[in-house]
Protein backbone atom coordinates (compact mmCIF):
# COMPACT_ATOMS: atom_id res chain seq x y z
CA UNK A 1 -99.72 -11.59 49.32
CA UNK A 2 -96.45 -13.23 48.44
CA UNK A 3 -93.46 -12.64 50.64
CA UNK A 4 -90.21 -11.59 48.89
CA UNK A 5 -87.29 -13.69 50.00
CA UNK A 6 -83.93 -12.24 50.96
CA UNK A 7 -82.13 -13.54 47.91
CA UNK A 8 -84.54 -11.83 45.47
CA UNK A 9 -84.35 -8.62 47.45
CA UNK A 10 -80.55 -8.67 47.35
CA UNK A 11 -80.56 -9.33 43.59
CA UNK A 12 -83.09 -6.54 43.02
CA UNK A 13 -81.07 -4.05 45.06
CA UNK A 14 -77.94 -5.11 43.17
CA UNK A 15 -79.64 -4.48 39.82
CA UNK A 16 -80.89 -1.08 40.98
CA UNK A 17 -77.35 -0.23 42.08
CA UNK A 18 -75.88 -1.28 38.72
CA UNK A 19 -78.51 0.66 36.77
CA UNK A 20 -77.89 3.73 38.95
CA UNK A 21 -74.15 3.43 38.37
CA UNK A 22 -74.62 3.15 34.61
CA UNK A 23 -76.84 6.23 34.55
CA UNK A 24 -74.24 8.14 36.56
CA UNK A 25 -71.43 7.04 34.24
CA UNK A 26 -73.51 8.05 31.21
CA UNK A 27 -74.12 11.51 32.64
CA UNK A 28 -70.43 11.90 33.45
CA UNK A 29 -69.48 10.90 29.90
CA UNK A 30 -71.95 13.41 28.47
CA UNK A 31 -70.54 16.18 30.68
CA UNK A 32 -66.97 15.23 29.72
CA UNK A 33 -67.89 15.34 26.03
CA UNK A 34 -69.41 18.83 26.39
CA UNK A 35 -66.30 20.04 28.22
CA UNK A 36 -64.03 18.53 25.53
CA UNK A 37 -66.03 20.19 22.75
CA UNK A 38 -65.94 23.54 24.53
CA UNK A 39 -62.19 23.18 25.09
CA UNK A 40 -61.73 22.45 21.37
CA UNK A 41 -63.78 25.52 20.45
CA UNK A 42 -61.70 27.62 22.86
CA UNK A 43 -58.42 26.26 21.46
CA UNK A 44 -59.49 27.00 17.87
CA UNK A 45 -60.56 30.49 18.86
CA UNK A 46 -57.28 31.13 20.69
CA UNK A 47 -55.28 29.98 17.65
CA UNK A 48 -57.32 32.19 15.34
CA UNK A 49 -57.00 35.21 17.60
CA UNK A 50 -53.24 34.71 17.95
CA UNK A 51 -52.98 34.64 14.15
CA UNK A 52 -55.02 37.84 13.89
CA UNK A 53 -53.06 39.62 16.61
CA UNK A 54 -49.57 38.86 15.25
CA UNK A 55 -49.51 41.76 12.76
CA UNK A 56 -50.92 44.11 15.39
CA UNK A 57 -47.99 43.82 17.77
CA UNK A 58 -46.40 47.16 18.51
CA UNK A 59 -47.51 50.76 18.63
CA UNK A 60 -49.76 50.81 15.56
CA UNK A 61 -52.61 49.14 17.40
CA UNK A 62 -52.43 51.58 20.29
CA UNK A 63 -52.32 54.54 17.90
CA UNK A 64 -55.45 53.40 16.07
CA UNK A 65 -57.39 52.66 19.24
CA UNK A 66 -56.50 56.08 20.68
CA UNK A 67 -58.16 57.83 17.77
CA UNK A 68 -61.35 59.60 18.70
CA UNK A 69 -63.55 57.63 16.33
CA UNK A 70 -61.73 54.52 15.08
CA UNK A 71 -64.27 53.38 12.48
CA UNK A 72 -63.53 52.11 9.01
CA UNK A 73 -65.36 54.96 7.32
CA UNK A 74 -63.02 57.45 9.05
CA UNK A 75 -59.80 55.70 7.98
CA UNK A 76 -57.97 57.41 5.14
CA UNK A 77 -54.58 55.74 5.54
CA UNK A 78 -54.46 52.28 3.94
CA UNK A 79 -52.19 50.80 6.60
CA UNK A 80 -54.38 52.12 9.43
CA UNK A 81 -57.47 50.76 7.70
CA UNK A 82 -55.93 47.30 7.32
CA UNK A 83 -54.92 47.30 10.98
CA UNK A 84 -58.41 48.32 12.05
CA UNK A 85 -59.88 45.57 9.86
CA UNK A 86 -57.60 43.10 11.64
CA UNK A 87 -58.75 44.40 15.03
CA UNK A 88 -62.40 44.05 13.97
CA UNK A 89 -61.76 40.45 12.85
CA UNK A 90 -60.08 39.72 16.20
CA UNK A 91 -63.02 41.21 18.11
CA UNK A 92 -65.57 39.20 16.13
CA UNK A 93 -63.57 36.01 16.70
CA UNK A 94 -63.53 36.71 20.43
CA UNK A 95 -67.25 37.52 20.55
CA UNK A 96 -68.08 34.43 18.48
CA UNK A 97 -66.11 32.30 20.94
CA UNK A 98 -68.15 33.77 23.81
CA UNK A 99 -71.34 32.94 21.87
CA UNK A 100 -70.23 29.33 21.42
CA UNK A 101 -69.26 29.01 25.09
CA UNK A 102 -72.71 30.37 26.00
CA UNK A 103 -74.43 27.87 23.70
CA UNK A 104 -72.52 25.04 25.40
CA UNK A 105 -73.67 26.37 28.77
CA UNK A 106 -70.23 27.47 30.00
CA UNK A 107 -70.88 31.22 30.02
CA UNK A 108 -73.48 32.55 32.48
CA UNK A 109 -76.43 34.52 31.10
CA UNK A 110 -75.40 37.76 32.86
CA UNK A 111 -71.91 37.60 31.38
CA UNK A 112 -73.26 36.76 27.94
CA UNK A 113 -75.62 39.74 28.05
CA UNK A 114 -72.58 42.03 28.12
CA UNK A 115 -71.03 40.13 25.21
CA UNK A 116 -74.34 40.26 23.37
CA UNK A 117 -74.60 44.04 23.72
CA UNK A 118 -71.04 44.51 22.44
CA UNK A 119 -71.67 42.12 19.55
CA UNK A 120 -74.86 43.90 18.57
CA UNK A 121 -73.13 47.30 18.64
CA UNK A 122 -70.56 46.02 16.14
CA UNK A 123 -73.14 44.17 14.04
CA UNK A 124 -75.26 47.29 13.69
CA UNK A 125 -72.36 49.22 12.18
CA UNK A 126 -73.21 48.28 8.62
CA UNK A 127 -69.65 48.66 7.39
CA UNK A 128 -68.48 46.08 9.94
CA UNK A 129 -71.31 43.65 9.27
CA UNK A 130 -69.50 42.19 6.25
CA UNK A 131 -66.74 40.98 8.60
CA UNK A 132 -69.24 38.82 10.48
CA UNK A 133 -69.83 36.76 7.34
CA UNK A 134 -66.15 35.86 7.29
CA UNK A 135 -65.35 35.52 11.01
CA UNK A 136 -68.57 34.43 12.77
CA UNK A 137 -70.56 31.23 12.72
CA UNK A 138 -73.91 31.10 10.95
CA UNK A 139 -75.84 30.58 14.19
CA UNK A 140 -74.19 33.60 15.83
CA UNK A 141 -75.02 35.78 12.80
CA UNK A 142 -78.64 34.54 12.90
CA UNK A 143 -78.84 35.43 16.60
CA UNK A 144 -77.54 38.96 15.91
CA UNK A 145 -79.90 39.43 12.93
CA UNK A 146 -82.88 38.56 15.14
CA UNK A 147 -81.87 41.23 17.68
CA UNK A 148 -80.62 43.91 15.27
CA UNK A 149 -82.67 46.96 14.35
CA UNK A 150 -80.19 48.37 11.81
CA UNK A 151 -81.04 48.10 8.13
CA UNK A 152 -77.91 47.57 6.06
CA UNK A 153 -77.39 47.44 2.31
CA UNK A 154 -74.77 44.71 2.83
CA UNK A 155 -75.92 41.51 1.00
CA UNK A 156 -75.49 39.39 4.13
CA UNK A 157 -77.08 41.97 6.43
């Protein structure tokens, strides 16, 4: 059996150290990239929600939400209906952001389950389903379709 000299052992341990460092740096870069992507998704969602909320500032939003059954089919006033449509779009944008954060691994399963239930409740209201086509990502809609039991006449539903 051949004896390994000190110099070879030192070089081998140095190479192992360098390889280990490179693996660690690679993992750190991957984590940083995922965080940057999630931050970008969050920023886009925040900007979209701010845009959607701007017309809702004031007492109109509170008045609509205080109604006993604030659903589109119950809205007779055009202005109230438009405000409720804006609120629905804002909610879908928020829920879609939670979905994307969950996909990136930044939202725990237990927290996402609550979001998922809320999303499914909205998605199963056939009249609101059309809003998902405009405000949600394709993968989020596909996820909701797999879990939904509601049959809607809506072309996308």
